[in-house]
Amino acid sequence: MKYLKNIVDRIFKKLKFKFLTNKSSSAYWTIHMVASDDFENAERSLNHFLWRNQQYPGYIELMPVNSADNLVVLDYGCGPGNDLVGFSLFSNCARVIGADVSLTALKASKKRLALHSKTAEFIQINEDSNKINLPDNSVDLVHSSGVLHHVKSLSLAIKEIHRILKPGGKMQVMVYNYESLWLHLYVAFLCQIEKEQYKHMTLMEAFKRLTDGPDCPISHCYRPNEFLKIVNDLGFYGHHKGSAISLFELQILPERFKAISSMKLKYEHRQFLSQIIFNANGYPLVNNKVAGVDACFEFTKI
């Protein structure tokens, strides 16, 4: 009977998971919070913050949390609070605000900050309207790491961020990078060709499933120039600061030779992989930009 009950429980959990993830992004990210460990103390929380940044060389330099003294900072899509910890510990912010579609994530953020004897304000965002419960022109810096590629409407999200930012306010953003080893080598070759995973799907559909899980409802990636145009057309002036690469991408880098020699791989991907050169740190470059999955931007409200 116990064995049967375990089987029934697993089936119920799987069906519940399928229902929730098909229903909304909020439900999905409640289940799949990034870095959602129940940290025992401040030391472990800080160690995780440092460890996570080390998994993406270059990220913390492109998306700094230590230069926001005296600023009102909003972490848009804060999840369970990794970067909120960073801003709270390494900047002397005038005000720190965490916003997310998941109430569970906001509660986890609050609990984690308490380990460091820090506090913040928390706002739940409606994923359909993207409304942020803050006044116009009230925020100095919006930080959004790995979130805007998951929203239902990028234009609605950007317009709302524009509304709450002060004139001249900044937005620093990380979104998935089309011009990356992740897309051209991992998704297009290692998964779709070598492993035959999602081989009958489009590249973007395969990317969505292979990056954030097979049931992730929304996951885009952008060419840097494409993302710049979208945001600049909505009242910002910005630039692509550069991209951070994941350690996973560095680990699979030797596979590029096999990929380039494969006639099954489309010319676009072979050409990208053929252009790779290396910088002084040993990171792969294409068109003088690190070919990593985390494209980082800085925008100023006009």
C-alpha atoms as a PDB file:
ATOM      1  CA  MET A   1       0.000   0.000   0.000  1.00  0.00           C
ATOM      2  CA  LYS A   2       2.814   2.407   0.841  1.00  0.00           C
ATOM      3  CA  TYR A   3       4.423   1.777  -2.564  1.00  0.00           C
ATOM      4  CA  LEU A   4       1.096   2.440  -4.297  1.00  0.00           C
ATOM      5  CA  LYS A   5       0.586   5.622  -2.284  1.00  0.00           C
ATOM      6  CA  ASN A   6       4.026   6.885  -3.341  1.00  0.00           C
ATOM      7  CA  ILE A   7       3.161   6.290  -6.990  1.00  0.00           C
ATOM      8  CA  VAL A   8      -0.160   8.122  -6.610  1.00  0.00           C
ATOM      9  CA  ASP A   9       1.572  11.035  -4.841  1.00  0.00           C
ATOM     10  CA  ARG A  10       4.137  11.332  -7.635  1.00  0.00           C
ATOM     11  CA  ILE A  11       1.422  11.290 -10.304  1.00  0.00           C
ATOM     12  CA  PHE A  12      -0.584  13.932  -8.406  1.00  0.00           C
ATOM     13  CA  LYS A  13       2.443  16.191  -8.033  1.00  0.00           C
ATOM     14  CA  LYS A  14       3.253  15.835 -11.725  1.00  0.00           C
ATOM     15  CA  LEU A  15      -0.309  16.674 -12.766  1.00  0.00           C
ATOM     16  CA  LYS A  16      -0.382  19.625 -10.363  1.00  0.00           C
ATOM     17  CA  PHE A  17       2.933  20.833 -11.769  1.00  0.00           C
ATOM     18  CA  LYS A  18       1.641  20.578 -15.353  1.00  0.00           C
ATOM     19  CA  PHE A  19      -1.515  22.491 -14.424  1.00  0.00           C
ATOM     20  CA  LEU A  20       0.340  25.285 -12.684  1.00  0.00           C
ATOM     21  CA  THR A  21       3.022  25.739 -15.309  1.00  0.00           C
ATOM     22  CA  ASN A  22       0.511  25.812 -18.150  1.00  0.00           C
ATOM     23  CA  LYS A  23      -1.540  28.360 -16.244  1.00  0.00           C
ATOM     24  CA  SER A  24       0.930  31.196 -15.654  1.00  0.00           C
ATOM     25  CA  SER A  25       4.508  32.365 -15.378  1.00  0.00           C
ATOM     26  CA  SER A  26       3.824  33.294 -11.779  1.00  0.00           C
ATOM     27  CA  ALA A  27       2.982  29.701 -10.922  1.00  0.00           C
ATOM     28  CA  TYR A  28       5.974  28.375 -12.843  1.00  0.00           C
ATOM     29  CA  TRP A  29       8.500  30.648 -11.130  1.00  0.00           C
ATOM     30  CA  THR A  30       6.943  29.957  -7.750  1.00  0.00           C
ATOM     31  CA  ILE A  31       7.842  26.297  -8.292  1.00  0.00           C
ATOM     32  CA  HIS A  32      11.170  26.986 -10.025  1.00  0.00           C
ATOM     33  CA  MET A  33      12.702  29.797  -8.014  1.00  0.00           C
ATOM     34  CA  VAL A  34      16.373  30.286  -8.879  1.00  0.00           C
ATOM     35  CA  ALA A  35      18.718  29.922  -5.889  1.00  0.00           C
ATOM     36  CA  SER A  36      15.875  29.090  -3.540  1.00  0.00           C
ATOM     37  CA  ASP A  37      17.952  27.339  -0.867  1.00  0.00           C
ATOM     38  CA  ASP A  38      16.675  27.731   2.671  1.00  0.00           C
ATOM     39  CA  PHE A  39      19.865  29.344   3.954  1.00  0.00           C
ATOM     40  CA  GLU A  40      20.695  28.635   7.577  1.00  0.00           C
ATOM     41  CA  ASN A  41      22.666  31.802   8.256  1.00  0.00           C
ATOM     42  CA  ALA A  42      24.122  34.953   6.718  1.00  0.00           C
ATOM     43  CA  GLU A  43      27.446  33.294   5.950  1.00  0.00           C
ATOM     44  CA  ARG A  44      25.836  30.647   3.763  1.00  0.00           C
ATOM     45  CA  SER A  45      23.668  33.225   2.074  1.00  0.00           C
ATOM     46  CA  LEU A  46      26.662  35.415   1.240  1.00  0.00           C
ATOM     47  CA  ASN A  47      28.685  32.406   0.096  1.00  0.00           C
ATOM     48  CA  HIS A  48      25.892  31.517  -2.315  1.00  0.00           C
ATOM     49  CA  PHE A  49      25.821  35.079  -3.665  1.00  0.00           C
ATOM     50  CA  LEU A  50      29.566  34.921  -4.355  1.00  0.00           C
ATOM     51  CA  TRP A  51      29.403  31.377  -5.750  1.00  0.00           C
ATOM     52  CA  ARG A  52      26.529  32.168  -8.104  1.00  0.00           C
ATOM     53  CA  ASN A  53      28.356  35.136  -9.615  1.00  0.00           C
ATOM     54  CA  GLN A  54      31.403  32.938 -10.178  1.00  0.00           C
ATOM     55  CA  GLN A  55      29.301  30.656 -12.379  1.00  0.00           C
ATOM     56  CA  TYR A  56      29.011  33.534 -14.882  1.00  0.00           C
ATOM     57  CA  PRO A  57      32.421  35.194 -15.312  1.00  0.00           C
ATOM     58  CA  GLY A  58      32.031  38.892 -16.021  1.00  0.00           C
ATOM     59  CA  TYR A  59      28.443  39.142 -14.780  1.00  0.00           C
ATOM     60  CA  ILE A  60      28.983  41.120 -11.585  1.00  0.00           C
ATOM     61  CA  GLU A  61      31.171  43.673 -13.365  1.00  0.00           C
ATOM     62  CA  LEU A  62      28.464  44.219 -16.000  1.00  0.00           C
ATOM     63  CA  MET A  63      25.577  44.208 -13.499  1.00  0.00           C
ATOM     64  CA  PRO A  64      27.140  45.796 -10.401  1.00  0.00           C
ATOM     65  CA  VAL A  65      25.486  45.944  -7.010  1.00  0.00           C
ATOM     66  CA  ASN A  66      28.205  47.985  -5.300  1.00  0.00           C
ATOM     67  CA  SER A  67      27.676  51.383  -6.936  1.00  0.00           C
ATOM     68  CA  ALA A  68      24.185  52.386  -5.803  1.00  0.00           C
ATOM     69  CA  ASP A  69      24.974  54.562  -2.771  1.00  0.00           C
ATOM     70  CA  ASN A  70      22.142  56.978  -1.903  1.00  0.00           C
ATOM     71  CA  LEU A  71      19.965  55.621  -4.721  1.00  0.00           C
ATOM     72  CA  VAL A  72      16.428  54.261  -4.696  1.00  0.00           C
ATOM     73  CA  VAL A  73      16.887  50.810  -6.231  1.00  0.00           C
ATOM     74  CA  LEU A  74      14.238  48.474  -7.603  1.00  0.00           C
ATOM     75  CA  ASP A  75      15.186  44.862  -8.351  1.00  0.00           C
ATOM     76  CA  TYR A  76      12.633  43.965 -11.029  1.00  0.00           C
ATOM     77  CA  GLY A  77      12.084  40.215 -10.828  1.00  0.00           C
ATOM     78  CA  CYS A  78      14.059  39.789  -7.625  1.00  0.00           C
ATOM     79  CA  GLY A  79      13.268  36.080  -7.186  1.00  0.00           C
ATOM     80  CA  PRO A  80      14.455  34.834  -3.790  1.00  0.00           C
ATOM     81  CA  GLY A  81      16.691  37.857  -3.281  1.00  0.00           C
ATOM     82  CA  ASN A  82      20.205  37.112  -4.523  1.00  0.00           C
ATOM     83  CA  ASP A  83      20.860  40.593  -5.885  1.00  0.00           C
ATOM     84  CA  LEU A  84      18.858  42.218  -3.100  1.00  0.00           C
ATOM     85  CA  VAL A  85      21.479  40.748  -0.776  1.00  0.00           C
ATOM     86  CA  GLY A  86      24.159  42.233  -3.014  1.00  0.00           C
ATOM     87  CA  PHE A  87      22.696  45.735  -3.000  1.00  0.00           C
ATOM     88  CA  SER A  88      22.021  45.592   0.744  1.00  0.00           C
ATOM     89  CA  LEU A  89      25.549  44.488   1.615  1.00  0.00           C
ATOM     90  CA  PHE A  90      27.700  46.287  -0.946  1.00  0.00           C
ATOM     91  CA  SER A  91      25.866  49.592  -1.475  1.00  0.00           C
ATOM     92  CA  ASN A  92      24.441  52.123   0.941  1.00  0.00           C
ATOM     93  CA  CYS A  93      21.138  52.533  -0.894  1.00  0.00           C
ATOM     94  CA  ALA A  94      18.595  55.152   0.108  1.00  0.00           C
ATOM     95  CA  ARG A  95      15.857  52.571  -0.434  1.00  0.00           C
ATOM     96  CA  VAL A  96      15.783  48.976  -1.696  1.00  0.00           C
ATOM     97  CA  ILE A  97      12.673  47.498  -3.311  1.00  0.00           C
ATOM     98  CA  GLY A  98      12.140  43.965  -4.562  1.00  0.00           C
ATOM     99  CA  ALA A  99       9.424  43.221  -7.123  1.00  0.00           C
ATOM    100  CA  ASP A 100       8.337  39.849  -8.505  1.00  0.00           C
ATOM    101  CA  VAL A 101       5.311  38.045  -9.921  1.00  0.00           C
ATOM    102  CA  SER A 102       5.713  35.323  -7.290  1.00  0.00           C
ATOM    103  CA  LEU A 103       4.568  36.011  -3.732  1.00  0.00           C
ATOM    104  CA  THR A 104       6.548  32.966  -2.610  1.00  0.00           C
ATOM    105  CA  ALA A 105       9.724  34.495  -4.037  1.00  0.00           C
ATOM    106  CA  LEU A 106       9.059  37.766  -2.226  1.00  0.00           C
ATOM    107  CA  LYS A 107       8.630  35.925   1.066  1.00  0.00           C
ATOM    108  CA  ALA A 108      11.864  34.030   0.452  1.00  0.00           C
ATOM    109  CA  SER A 109      13.657  37.338  -0.261  1.00  0.00           C
ATOM    110  CA  LYS A 110      12.401  38.885   2.958  1.00  0.00           C
ATOM    111  CA  LYS A 111      13.502  35.853   4.958  1.00  0.00           C
ATOM    112  CA  ARG A 112      16.934  35.825   3.343  1.00  0.00           C
ATOM    113  CA  LEU A 113      17.569  39.536   3.919  1.00  0.00           C
ATOM    114  CA  ALA A 114      16.634  39.077   7.576  1.00  0.00           C
ATOM    115  CA  LEU A 115      19.606  36.713   7.923  1.00  0.00           C
ATOM    116  CA  HIS A 116      21.803  39.734   7.140  1.00  0.00           C
ATOM    117  CA  SER A 117      19.788  42.037   9.425  1.00  0.00           C
ATOM    118  CA  LYS A 118      18.656  43.910   6.303  1.00  0.00           C
ATOM    119  CA  THR A 119      15.204  44.948   5.138  1.00  0.00           C
ATOM    120  CA  ALA A 120      13.585  45.976   1.882  1.00  0.00           C
ATOM    121  CA  GLU A 121      10.170  46.850   0.524  1.00  0.00           C
ATOM    122  CA  PHE A 122       8.382  44.225  -1.546  1.00  0.00           C
ATOM    123  CA  ILE A 123       5.876  44.546  -4.379  1.00  0.00           C
ATOM    124  CA  GLN A 124       4.050  41.791  -6.236  1.00  0.00           C
ATOM    125  CA  ILE A 125       3.720  42.476  -9.963  1.00  0.00           C
ATOM    126  CA  ASN A 126       0.680  41.379 -11.942  1.00  0.00           C
ATOM    127  CA  GLU A 127       2.126  39.459 -14.895  1.00  0.00           C
ATOM    128  CA  ASP A 128      -0.670  40.564 -17.244  1.00  0.00           C
ATOM    129  CA  SER A 129      -0.634  44.315 -16.599  1.00  0.00           C
ATOM    130  CA  ASN A 130       3.005  44.559 -15.410  1.00  0.00           C
ATOM    131  CA  LYS A 131       1.869  47.377 -13.091  1.00  0.00           C
ATOM    132  CA  ILE A 132       4.353  48.365 -10.389  1.00  0.00           C
ATOM    133  CA  ASN A 133       2.777  49.940  -7.314  1.00  0.00           C
ATOM    134  CA  LEU A 134       5.130  52.914  -7.177  1.00  0.00           C
ATOM    135  CA  PRO A 135       4.661  56.602  -8.066  1.00  0.00           C
ATOM    136  CA  ASP A 136       5.880  58.153 -11.294  1.00  0.00           C
ATOM    137  CA  ASN A 137       9.524  59.311 -11.294  1.00  0.00           C
ATOM    138  CA  SER A 138      10.345  57.678  -7.958  1.00  0.00           C
ATOM    139  CA  VAL A 139      13.240  55.272  -8.666  1.00  0.00           C
ATOM    140  CA  ASP A 140      16.892  56.016  -9.482  1.00  0.00           C
ATOM    141  CA  LEU A 141      17.995  52.559 -10.631  1.00  0.00           C
ATOM    142  CA  VAL A 142      16.095  49.547 -11.931  1.00  0.00           C
ATOM    143  CA  HIS A 143      18.078  46.326 -11.874  1.00  0.00           C
ATOM    144  CA  SER A 144      16.653  43.371 -13.797  1.00  0.00           C
ATOM    145  CA  SER A 145      18.701  40.213 -14.138  1.00  0.00           C
ATOM    146  CA  GLY A 146      17.357  37.404 -16.301  1.00  0.00           C
ATOM    147  CA  VAL A 147      13.727  38.483 -16.101  1.00  0.00           C
ATOM    148  CA  LEU A 148      12.585  40.556 -19.078  1.00  0.00           C
ATOM    149  CA  HIS A 149      13.006  37.588 -21.434  1.00  0.00           C
ATOM    150  CA  HIS A 150      10.260  35.858 -19.405  1.00  0.00           C
ATOM    151  CA  VAL A 151       7.566  38.563 -19.398  1.00  0.00           C
ATOM    152  CA  LYS A 152       4.331  38.253 -21.353  1.00  0.00           C
ATOM    153  CA  SER A 153       4.695  41.709 -22.888  1.00  0.00           C
ATOM    154  CA  LEU A 154       8.160  43.250 -23.057  1.00  0.00           C
ATOM    155  CA  SER A 155       6.783  46.606 -24.197  1.00  0.00           C
ATOM    156  CA  LEU A 156       4.338  46.838 -21.274  1.00  0.00           C
ATOM    157  CA  ALA A 157       7.094  45.961 -18.803  1.00  0.00           C
ATOM    158  CA  ILE A 158       9.504  48.534 -20.266  1.00  0.00           C
ATOM    159  CA  LYS A 159       6.851  51.270 -20.343  1.00  0.00           C
ATOM    160  CA  GLU A 160       6.056  50.689 -16.677  1.00  0.00           C
ATOM    161  CA  ILE A 161       9.742  50.756 -15.740  1.00  0.00           C
ATOM    162  CA  HIS A 162      10.072  53.991 -17.720  1.00  0.00           C
ATOM    163  CA  ARG A 163       7.153  55.483 -15.764  1.00  0.00           C
ATOM    164  CA  ILE A 164       8.623  54.851 -12.327  1.00  0.00           C
ATOM    165  CA  LEU A 165      12.185  55.898 -13.189  1.00  0.00           C
ATOM    166  CA  LYS A 166      13.247  59.464 -12.496  1.00  0.00           C
ATOM    167  CA  PRO A 167      14.335  61.531 -15.512  1.00  0.00           C
ATOM    168  CA  GLY A 168      17.911  60.487 -16.163  1.00  0.00           C
ATOM    169  CA  GLY A 169      17.369  57.334 -14.098  1.00  0.00           C
ATOM    170  CA  LYS A 170      19.199  54.156 -15.070  1.00  0.00           C
ATOM    171  CA  MET A 171      18.128  50.627 -15.895  1.00  0.00           C
ATOM    172  CA  GLN A 172      20.642  47.777 -15.958  1.00  0.00           C
ATOM    173  CA  VAL A 173      19.356  44.634 -17.612  1.00  0.00           C
ATOM    174  CA  MET A 174      20.494  41.117 -18.388  1.00  0.00           C
ATOM    175  CA  VAL A 175      18.601  39.094 -20.990  1.00  0.00           C
ATOM    176  CA  TYR A 176      19.470  35.913 -22.866  1.00  0.00           C
ATOM    177  CA  ASN A 177      21.886  36.474 -25.724  1.00  0.00           C
ATOM    178  CA  TYR A 178      21.218  34.997 -29.169  1.00  0.00           C
ATOM    179  CA  GLU A 179      24.868  35.509 -30.078  1.00  0.00           C
ATOM    180  CA  SER A 180      26.098  32.933 -27.599  1.00  0.00           C
ATOM    181  CA  LEU A 181      27.660  29.503 -27.359  1.00  0.00           C
ATOM    182  CA  TRP A 182      24.536  28.483 -25.482  1.00  0.00           C
ATOM    183  CA  LEU A 183      22.353  28.987 -28.544  1.00  0.00           C
ATOM    184  CA  HIS A 184      24.716  28.218 -31.439  1.00  0.00           C
ATOM    185  CA  LEU A 185      26.583  25.279 -29.886  1.00  0.00           C
ATOM    186  CA  TYR A 186      24.537  23.833 -27.027  1.00  0.00           C
ATOM    187  CA  VAL A 187      20.983  24.189 -28.361  1.00  0.00           C
ATOM    188  CA  ALA A 188      21.513  24.059 -32.121  1.00  0.00           C
ATOM    189  CA  PHE A 189      24.178  21.344 -32.204  1.00  0.00           C
ATOM    190  CA  LEU A 190      24.674  19.359 -29.002  1.00  0.00           C
ATOM    191  CA  CYS A 191      20.960  19.066 -28.244  1.00  0.00           C
ATOM    192  CA  GLN A 192      19.028  19.297 -31.509  1.00  0.00           C
ATOM    193  CA  ILE A 193      21.551  17.391 -33.655  1.00  0.00           C
ATOM    194  CA  GLU A 194      23.737  15.234 -31.402  1.00  0.00           C
ATOM    195  CA  LYS A 195      21.082  14.251 -28.845  1.00  0.00           C
ATOM    196  CA  GLU A 196      18.106  14.753 -31.183  1.00  0.00           C
ATOM    197  CA  GLN A 197      16.275  16.679 -28.472  1.00  0.00           C
ATOM    198  CA  TYR A 198      13.422  18.801 -29.837  1.00  0.00           C
ATOM    199  CA  LYS A 199      14.917  18.282 -33.287  1.00  0.00           C
ATOM    200  CA  HIS A 200      11.595  18.911 -35.045  1.00  0.00           C
ATOM    201  CA  MET A 201      11.015  22.181 -33.224  1.00  0.00           C
ATOM    202  CA  THR A 202      12.199  25.626 -34.231  1.00  0.00           C
ATOM    203  CA  LEU A 203      15.432  26.844 -32.704  1.00  0.00           C
ATOM    204  CA  MET A 204      13.562  29.281 -30.445  1.00  0.00           C
ATOM    205  CA  GLU A 205      11.139  26.634 -29.197  1.00  0.00           C
ATOM    206  CA  ALA A 206      14.045  24.309 -28.429  1.00  0.00           C
ATOM    207  CA  PHE A 207      15.913  27.152 -26.718  1.00  0.00           C
ATOM    208  CA  LYS A 208      12.943  27.821 -24.424  1.00  0.00           C
ATOM    209  CA  ARG A 209      12.712  24.205 -23.318  1.00  0.00           C
ATOM    210  CA  LEU A 210      16.434  23.628 -22.948  1.00  0.00           C
ATOM    211  CA  THR A 211      17.181  26.814 -21.011  1.00  0.00           C
ATOM    212  CA  ASP A 212      14.506  27.066 -18.321  1.00  0.00           C
ATOM    213  CA  GLY A 213      12.851  23.666 -18.374  1.00  0.00           C
ATOM    214  CA  PRO A 214      10.505  21.875 -20.775  1.00  0.00           C
ATOM    215  CA  ASP A 215       7.401  23.473 -19.252  1.00  0.00           C
ATOM    216  CA  CYS A 216       8.610  27.050 -18.987  1.00  0.00           C
ATOM    217  CA  PRO A 217       5.769  29.142 -20.475  1.00  0.00           C
ATOM    218  CA  ILE A 218       7.863  32.073 -21.773  1.00  0.00           C
ATOM    219  CA  SER A 219      11.577  32.307 -22.528  1.00  0.00           C
ATOM    220  CA  HIS A 220      13.046  34.469 -25.286  1.00  0.00           C
ATOM    221  CA  CYS A 221      16.544  35.372 -26.354  1.00  0.00           C
ATOM    222  CA  TYR A 222      17.576  38.496 -28.213  1.00  0.00           C
ATOM    223  CA  ARG A 223      20.256  39.677 -30.556  1.00  0.00           C
ATOM    224  CA  PRO A 224      21.799  42.663 -28.722  1.00  0.00           C
ATOM    225  CA  ASN A 225      20.929  45.154 -31.475  1.00  0.00           C
ATOM    226  CA  GLU A 226      17.354  43.863 -31.532  1.00  0.00           C
ATOM    227  CA  PHE A 227      16.919  44.339 -27.784  1.00  0.00           C
ATOM    228  CA  LEU A 228      18.524  47.787 -27.918  1.00  0.00           C
ATOM    229  CA  LYS A 229      16.079  48.950 -30.571  1.00  0.00           C
ATOM    230  CA  ILE A 230      13.047  47.686 -28.651  1.00  0.00           C
ATOM    231  CA  VAL A 231      14.027  49.488 -25.448  1.00  0.00           C
ATOM    232  CA  ASN A 232      15.386  52.648 -27.076  1.00  0.00           C
ATOM    233  CA  ASP A 233      12.128  53.037 -29.022  1.00  0.00           C
ATOM    234  CA  LEU A 234      10.281  53.139 -25.673  1.00  0.00           C
ATOM    235  CA  GLY A 235      11.985  56.233 -24.280  1.00  0.00           C
ATOM    236  CA  PHE A 236      15.485  55.148 -23.350  1.00  0.00           C
ATOM    237  CA  TYR A 237      18.995  55.647 -24.587  1.00  0.00           C
ATOM    238  CA  GLY A 238      21.252  52.661 -24.010  1.00  0.00           C
ATOM    239  CA  HIS A 239      24.095  50.433 -25.031  1.00  0.00           C
ATOM    240  CA  HIS A 240      25.156  46.806 -24.857  1.00  0.00           C
ATOM    241  CA  LYS A 241      27.834  46.759 -22.164  1.00  0.00           C
ATOM    242  CA  GLY A 242      28.930  43.231 -22.999  1.00  0.00           C
ATOM    243  CA  SER A 243      28.008  39.661 -22.160  1.00  0.00           C
ATOM    244  CA  ALA A 244      28.872  37.265 -19.365  1.00  0.00           C
ATOM    245  CA  ILE A 245      29.563  33.639 -20.181  1.00  0.00           C
ATOM    246  CA  SER A 246      28.510  30.645 -18.123  1.00  0.00           C
ATOM    247  CA  LEU A 247      31.022  28.081 -16.931  1.00  0.00           C
ATOM    248  CA  PHE A 248      28.890  25.520 -18.735  1.00  0.00           C
ATOM    249  CA  GLU A 249      29.516  27.294 -22.041  1.00  0.00           C
ATOM    250  CA  LEU A 250      33.251  27.286 -21.359  1.00  0.00           C
ATOM    251  CA  GLN A 251      33.099  23.570 -20.586  1.00  0.00           C
ATOM    252  CA  ILE A 252      31.441  22.697 -23.911  1.00  0.00           C
ATOM    253  CA  LEU A 253      33.658  25.042 -25.953  1.00  0.00           C
ATOM    254  CA  PRO A 254      35.904  22.219 -27.345  1.00  0.00           C
ATOM    255  CA  GLU A 255      32.814  20.716 -29.002  1.00  0.00           C
ATOM    256  CA  ARG A 256      32.767  23.618 -31.468  1.00  0.00           C
ATOM    257  CA  PHE A 257      35.175  21.810 -33.794  1.00  0.00           C
ATOM    258  CA  LYS A 258      32.823  18.870 -34.125  1.00  0.00           C
ATOM    259  CA  ALA A 259      29.947  21.275 -34.692  1.00  0.00           C
ATOM    260  CA  ILE A 260      31.748  23.237 -37.411  1.00  0.00           C
ATOM    261  CA  SER A 261      32.511  19.986 -39.262  1.00  0.00           C
ATOM    262  CA  SER A 262      28.869  18.867 -39.215  1.00  0.00           C
ATOM    263  CA  MET A 263      26.901  19.370 -42.446  1.00  0.00           C
ATOM    264  CA  LYS A 264      23.718  18.929 -40.395  1.00  0.00           C
ATOM    265  CA  LEU A 265      24.365  22.182 -38.550  1.00  0.00           C
ATOM    266  CA  LYS A 266      23.066  25.271 -40.336  1.00  0.00           C
ATOM    267  CA  TYR A 267      25.575  27.642 -41.876  1.00  0.00           C
ATOM    268  CA  GLU A 268      24.607  30.441 -39.463  1.00  0.00           C
ATOM    269  CA  HIS A 269      25.777  28.423 -36.471  1.00  0.00           C
ATOM    270  CA  ARG A 270      28.911  27.089 -38.141  1.00  0.00           C
ATOM    271  CA  GLN A 271      29.842  30.609 -39.186  1.00  0.00           C
ATOM    272  CA  PHE A 272      29.359  31.951 -35.651  1.00  0.00           C
ATOM    273  CA  LEU A 273      31.520  29.194 -34.172  1.00  0.00           C
ATOM    274  CA  SER A 274      34.174  29.677 -36.870  1.00  0.00           C
ATOM    275  CA  GLN A 275      34.619  33.345 -35.912  1.00  0.00           C
ATOM    276  CA  ILE A 276      35.601  32.677 -32.289  1.00  0.00           C
ATOM    277  CA  ILE A 277      38.795  34.267 -31.014  1.00  0.00           C
ATOM    278  CA  PHE A 278      39.902  34.638 -27.397  1.00  0.00           C
ATOM    279  CA  ASN A 279      40.583  37.575 -25.101  1.00  0.00           C
ATOM    280  CA  ALA A 280      43.301  37.832 -22.462  1.00  0.00           C
ATOM    281  CA  ASN A 281      41.132  35.976 -19.940  1.00  0.00           C
ATOM    282  CA  GLY A 282      40.633  33.068 -22.313  1.00  0.00           C
ATOM    283  CA  TYR A 283      36.968  33.885 -22.932  1.00  0.00           C
ATOM    284  CA  PRO A 284      35.627  33.359 -26.478  1.00  0.00           C
ATOM    285  CA  LEU A 285      34.790  36.453 -28.511  1.00  0.00           C
ATOM    286  CA  VAL A 286      32.709  36.941 -31.636  1.00  0.00           C
ATOM    287  CA  ASN A 287      32.732  40.433 -33.151  1.00  0.00           C
ATOM    288  CA  ASN A 288      34.732  41.606 -30.121  1.00  0.00           C
ATOM    289  CA  LYS A 289      31.973  40.599 -27.670  1.00  0.00           C
ATOM    290  CA  VAL A 290      32.116  37.688 -25.233  1.00  0.00           C
ATOM    291  CA  ALA A 291      29.969  34.930 -26.738  1.00  0.00           C
ATOM    292  CA  GLY A 292      28.108  34.234 -23.498  1.00  0.00           C
ATOM    293  CA  VAL A 293      24.434  33.717 -22.754  1.00  0.00           C
ATOM    294  CA  ASP A 294      24.025  36.762 -20.459  1.00  0.00           C
ATOM    295  CA  ALA A 295      23.730  39.940 -22.556  1.00  0.00           C
ATOM    296  CA  CYS A 296      24.001  42.982 -20.283  1.00  0.00           C
ATOM    297  CA  PHE A 297      22.759  46.482 -21.077  1.00  0.00           C
ATOM    298  CA  GLU A 298      22.605  49.900 -19.479  1.00  0.00           C
ATOM    299  CA  PHE A 299      19.810  52.325 -20.333  1.00  0.00           C
ATOM    300  CA  THR A 300      19.067  55.915 -19.319  1.00  0.00           C
ATOM    301  CA  LYS A 301      15.555  57.332 -19.252  1.00  0.00           C
ATOM    302  CA  ILE A 302      15.251  60.172 -21.714  1.00  0.00           C
END
